[in-house]
Amino acid sequence: MNVDGAQTLAERAAAVQRSASDDASDVPSPCTSVCRMDSQSGFCEGCLRTLPEIAGWSTMEDVARRSVWRAIELRARAGLWRIPEQPGDKHA
């Protein structure tokens, strides 16, 4: 993920949060079809979810899904996906 991708994801997450006041019943999946877990951060490189968030998505209530979206927004805005590469790391 790069800075632009994180900004776009944060904006998408904020839009999902704003829709909480609407009568929209379905919370969209954050999946971007880039399903690769970063070994340093523990987040998916495409959607910034953790493995438990990804695995539990299909059984979550909308309130829980919106909480995941909020966590994604905070992660994206804080730059938590940018774990500094350590010497000798081939992929961070």
N, C-alpha and C. Protein backbone atom coordinates (compact mmCIF):
# COMPACT_ATOMS: atom_id res chain seq x y z
N MET A 1 0.86 -1.18 0.00
CA MET A 1 0.00 0.00 0.00
C MET A 1 0.89 1.22 0.00
N ASN A 2 0.43 2.25 -0.69
CA ASN A 2 1.17 3.51 -0.71
C ASN A 2 0.31 4.59 -0.04
N VAL A 3 0.85 5.78 0.04
CA VAL A 3 0.15 6.89 0.70
C VAL A 3 -1.19 7.18 0.03
N ASP A 4 -1.21 7.20 -1.30
CA ASP A 4 -2.46 7.48 -2.01
C ASP A 4 -3.50 6.40 -1.75
N GLY A 5 -3.06 5.15 -1.75
CA GLY A 5 -3.97 4.04 -1.48
C GLY A 5 -4.53 4.12 -0.07
N ALA A 6 -3.69 4.49 0.88
CA ALA A 6 -4.14 4.62 2.26
C ALA A 6 -5.14 5.77 2.40
N GLN A 7 -4.88 6.87 1.71
CA GLN A 7 -5.80 8.01 1.75
C GLN A 7 -7.15 7.63 1.17
N THR A 8 -7.13 6.93 0.04
CA THR A 8 -8.37 6.49 -0.59
C THR A 8 -9.14 5.55 0.32
N LEU A 9 -8.44 4.62 0.96
CA LEU A 9 -9.08 3.69 1.88
C LEU A 9 -9.65 4.41 3.09
N ALA A 10 -8.92 5.40 3.61
CA ALA A 10 -9.42 6.18 4.75
C ALA A 10 -10.68 6.95 4.37
N GLU A 11 -10.71 7.52 3.16
CA GLU A 11 -11.90 8.25 2.70
C GLU A 11 -13.08 7.30 2.51
N ARG A 12 -12.81 6.12 1.99
CA ARG A 12 -13.88 5.13 1.82
C ARG A 12 -14.42 4.71 3.20
N ALA A 13 -13.51 4.53 4.16
CA ALA A 13 -13.93 4.15 5.51
C ALA A 13 -14.78 5.25 6.14
N ALA A 14 -14.39 6.49 5.94
CA ALA A 14 -15.17 7.61 6.49
C ALA A 14 -16.56 7.65 5.86
N ALA A 15 -16.64 7.37 4.57
CA ALA A 15 -17.94 7.36 3.89
C ALA A 15 -18.84 6.26 4.44
N VAL A 16 -18.27 5.12 4.74
CA VAL A 16 -19.06 4.04 5.34
C VAL A 16 -19.56 4.47 6.72
N GLN A 17 -18.74 5.15 7.47
CA GLN A 17 -19.15 5.63 8.79
C GLN A 17 -20.27 6.64 8.68
N ARG A 18 -20.18 7.53 7.70
CA ARG A 18 -21.24 8.53 7.51
C ARG A 18 -22.56 7.85 7.14
N SER A 19 -22.48 6.76 6.42
CA SER A 19 -23.71 6.07 6.00
C SER A 19 -24.38 5.36 7.17
N ALA A 20 -23.75 5.33 8.32
CA ALA A 20 -24.34 4.68 9.49
C ALA A 20 -25.65 5.35 9.88
N SER A 21 -25.78 6.63 9.58
CA SER A 21 -27.01 7.34 9.92
C SER A 21 -28.09 7.12 8.88
N ASP A 22 -27.69 6.61 7.72
CA ASP A 22 -28.66 6.30 6.68
C ASP A 22 -29.37 5.00 7.02
N ASP A 23 -30.34 4.64 6.21
CA ASP A 23 -31.03 3.37 6.42
C ASP A 23 -30.39 2.23 5.64
N ALA A 24 -29.17 2.46 5.14
CA ALA A 24 -28.47 1.40 4.39
C ALA A 24 -28.20 0.24 5.33
N SER A 25 -28.68 -0.93 4.96
CA SER A 25 -28.55 -2.07 5.85
C SER A 25 -27.28 -2.86 5.61
N ASP A 26 -26.74 -2.82 4.39
CA ASP A 26 -25.56 -3.60 4.09
C ASP A 26 -24.30 -2.74 4.19
N VAL A 27 -23.35 -3.22 4.98
CA VAL A 27 -22.07 -2.55 5.08
C VAL A 27 -21.13 -3.24 4.08
N PRO A 28 -20.56 -2.48 3.15
CA PRO A 28 -19.72 -3.10 2.12
C PRO A 28 -18.44 -3.67 2.69
N SER A 29 -17.93 -4.69 2.05
CA SER A 29 -16.66 -5.29 2.46
C SER A 29 -15.51 -4.35 2.11
N PRO A 30 -14.51 -4.28 2.97
CA PRO A 30 -13.33 -3.47 2.67
C PRO A 30 -12.38 -4.14 1.67
N CYS A 31 -12.63 -5.37 1.31
CA CYS A 31 -11.72 -6.12 0.46
C CYS A 31 -11.45 -5.39 -0.85
N THR A 32 -10.18 -5.34 -1.22
CA THR A 32 -9.76 -4.71 -2.47
C THR A 32 -9.15 -5.74 -3.42
N SER A 33 -9.30 -7.00 -3.10
CA SER A 33 -8.74 -8.12 -3.87
C SER A 33 -7.21 -8.12 -3.93
N VAL A 34 -6.60 -7.51 -2.94
CA VAL A 34 -5.16 -7.59 -2.74
C VAL A 34 -4.98 -8.33 -1.42
N CYS A 35 -5.08 -9.62 -1.47
CA CYS A 35 -5.12 -10.43 -0.25
C CYS A 35 -3.73 -10.94 0.08
N ARG A 36 -2.99 -10.08 0.77
CA ARG A 36 -1.61 -10.40 1.13
C ARG A 36 -1.36 -9.80 2.50
N MET A 37 -0.99 -10.65 3.47
CA MET A 37 -0.76 -10.18 4.82
C MET A 37 0.68 -9.69 4.97
N ASP A 38 0.84 -8.51 5.54
CA ASP A 38 2.16 -7.98 5.81
C ASP A 38 2.70 -8.63 7.08
N SER A 39 3.86 -9.25 6.99
CA SER A 39 4.40 -9.98 8.13
C SER A 39 4.82 -9.07 9.28
N GLN A 40 5.15 -7.83 8.99
CA GLN A 40 5.57 -6.88 10.04
C GLN A 40 4.38 -6.29 10.79
N SER A 41 3.40 -5.81 10.05
CA SER A 41 2.27 -5.11 10.69
C SER A 41 1.14 -6.06 11.08
N GLY A 42 0.99 -7.16 10.35
CA GLY A 42 -0.12 -8.07 10.60
C GLY A 42 -1.41 -7.65 9.90
N PHE A 43 -1.33 -6.62 9.06
CA PHE A 43 -2.49 -6.13 8.33
C PHE A 43 -2.46 -6.62 6.89
N CYS A 44 -3.64 -6.80 6.31
CA CYS A 44 -3.72 -7.09 4.88
C CYS A 44 -3.21 -5.86 4.13
N GLU A 45 -2.40 -6.09 3.13
CA GLU A 45 -1.84 -4.98 2.36
C GLU A 45 -2.89 -4.26 1.52
N GLY A 46 -4.02 -4.91 1.27
CA GLY A 46 -5.06 -4.29 0.46
C GLY A 46 -6.09 -3.52 1.25
N CYS A 47 -6.50 -4.08 2.41
CA CYS A 47 -7.62 -3.47 3.13
C CYS A 47 -7.30 -3.10 4.59
N LEU A 48 -6.11 -3.39 5.04
CA LEU A 48 -5.66 -3.06 6.40
C LEU A 48 -6.45 -3.77 7.50
N ARG A 49 -7.06 -4.91 7.17
CA ARG A 49 -7.71 -5.70 8.22
C ARG A 49 -6.74 -6.74 8.76
N THR A 50 -7.03 -7.20 9.96
CA THR A 50 -6.29 -8.31 10.56
C THR A 50 -6.92 -9.62 10.10
N LEU A 51 -6.23 -10.72 10.32
CA LEU A 51 -6.80 -12.02 9.97
C LEU A 51 -8.12 -12.29 10.69
N PRO A 52 -8.23 -12.01 12.00
CA PRO A 52 -9.52 -12.23 12.66
C PRO A 52 -10.65 -11.37 12.08
N GLU A 53 -10.34 -10.14 11.68
CA GLU A 53 -11.35 -9.28 11.06
C GLU A 53 -11.80 -9.83 9.72
N ILE A 54 -10.84 -10.33 8.95
CA ILE A 54 -11.17 -10.91 7.65
C ILE A 54 -12.00 -12.17 7.82
N ALA A 55 -11.53 -13.06 8.70
CA ALA A 55 -12.21 -14.34 8.90
C ALA A 55 -13.62 -14.17 9.47
N GLY A 56 -13.82 -13.18 10.32
CA GLY A 56 -15.12 -13.00 10.96
C GLY A 56 -16.10 -12.12 10.20
N TRP A 57 -15.66 -11.49 9.12
CA TRP A 57 -16.49 -10.52 8.41
C TRP A 57 -17.87 -11.06 8.05
N SER A 58 -17.92 -12.26 7.51
CA SER A 58 -19.19 -12.79 7.00
C SER A 58 -20.22 -13.05 8.09
N THR A 59 -19.80 -13.17 9.33
CA THR A 59 -20.74 -13.43 10.42
C THR A 59 -20.96 -12.22 11.32
N MET A 60 -20.32 -11.11 11.02
CA MET A 60 -20.44 -9.90 11.84
C MET A 60 -21.76 -9.19 11.61
N GLU A 61 -22.28 -8.60 12.66
CA GLU A 61 -23.41 -7.68 12.56
C GLU A 61 -22.90 -6.38 11.94
N ASP A 62 -23.81 -5.57 11.41
CA ASP A 62 -23.42 -4.31 10.78
C ASP A 62 -22.66 -3.39 11.73
N VAL A 63 -23.04 -3.38 12.99
CA VAL A 63 -22.35 -2.52 13.96
C VAL A 63 -20.88 -2.93 14.07
N ALA A 64 -20.62 -4.21 14.13
CA ALA A 64 -19.24 -4.70 14.21
C ALA A 64 -18.48 -4.40 12.92
N ARG A 65 -19.16 -4.53 11.80
CA ARG A 65 -18.51 -4.22 10.52
C ARG A 65 -18.12 -2.75 10.45
N ARG A 66 -19.00 -1.89 10.94
CA ARG A 66 -18.67 -0.46 10.95
C ARG A 66 -17.49 -0.18 11.89
N SER A 67 -17.39 -0.94 12.96
CA SER A 67 -16.24 -0.80 13.87
C SER A 67 -14.94 -1.19 13.17
N VAL A 68 -14.99 -2.23 12.36
CA VAL A 68 -13.82 -2.63 11.59
C VAL A 68 -13.45 -1.51 10.61
N TRP A 69 -14.45 -0.95 9.95
CA TRP A 69 -14.19 0.16 9.03
C TRP A 69 -13.54 1.33 9.77
N ARG A 70 -13.99 1.60 10.98
CA ARG A 70 -13.40 2.70 11.77
C ARG A 70 -11.94 2.39 12.08
N ALA A 71 -11.65 1.14 12.44
CA ALA A 71 -10.28 0.74 12.72
C ALA A 71 -9.41 0.89 11.47
N ILE A 72 -9.97 0.51 10.31
CA ILE A 72 -9.25 0.67 9.05
C ILE A 72 -8.93 2.14 8.80
N GLU A 73 -9.92 2.99 9.02
CA GLU A 73 -9.70 4.43 8.81
C GLU A 73 -8.58 4.93 9.71
N LEU A 74 -8.61 4.56 10.98
CA LEU A 74 -7.58 5.01 11.91
C LEU A 74 -6.20 4.48 11.51
N ARG A 75 -6.14 3.23 11.11
CA ARG A 75 -4.86 2.64 10.68
C ARG A 75 -4.32 3.36 9.46
N ALA A 76 -5.19 3.62 8.50
CA ALA A 76 -4.76 4.28 7.26
C ALA A 76 -4.28 5.70 7.54
N ARG A 77 -5.03 6.44 8.34
CA ARG A 77 -4.66 7.83 8.61
C ARG A 77 -3.40 7.93 9.47
N ALA A 78 -3.19 6.95 10.36
CA ALA A 78 -2.02 6.96 11.24
C ALA A 78 -0.76 6.43 10.56
N GLY A 79 -0.93 5.85 9.37
CA GLY A 79 0.23 5.29 8.68
C GLY A 79 0.73 4.00 9.29
N LEU A 80 -0.13 3.29 10.01
CA LEU A 80 0.30 2.05 10.67
C LEU A 80 0.70 0.96 9.70
N TRP A 81 0.34 1.09 8.46
CA TRP A 81 0.70 0.12 7.44
C TRP A 81 2.13 0.31 6.96
N ARG A 82 2.74 1.43 7.35
CA ARG A 82 4.11 1.73 6.91
C ARG A 82 5.11 1.32 7.98
N ILE A 83 5.31 0.04 8.14
CA ILE A 83 6.29 -0.46 9.08
C ILE A 83 7.66 -0.32 8.42
N PRO A 84 8.59 0.34 9.10
CA PRO A 84 9.91 0.52 8.47
C PRO A 84 10.56 -0.82 8.16
N GLU A 85 11.16 -0.90 6.99
CA GLU A 85 11.85 -2.12 6.58
C GLU A 85 13.14 -2.24 7.38
N GLN A 86 13.38 -3.43 7.91
CA GLN A 86 14.57 -3.70 8.67
C GLN A 86 15.67 -4.19 7.73
N PRO A 87 16.94 -3.96 8.11
CA PRO A 87 18.03 -4.47 7.28
C PRO A 87 17.86 -5.99 7.09
N GLY A 88 17.98 -6.41 5.85
CA GLY A 88 17.84 -7.83 5.54
C GLY A 88 16.43 -8.25 5.19
N ASP A 89 15.42 -7.39 5.44
CA ASP A 89 14.05 -7.70 5.07
C ASP A 89 13.90 -7.62 3.56
N LYS A 90 13.21 -8.58 2.99
CA LYS A 90 12.94 -8.53 1.56
C LYS A 90 11.58 -7.94 1.29
N HIS A 91 10.70 -7.99 2.30
CA HIS A 91 9.32 -7.50 2.12
C HIS A 91 8.82 -7.02 3.46
N ALA A 92 8.43 -5.77 3.53
CA ALA A 92 7.90 -5.24 4.79
C ALA A 92 6.43 -5.02 4.67
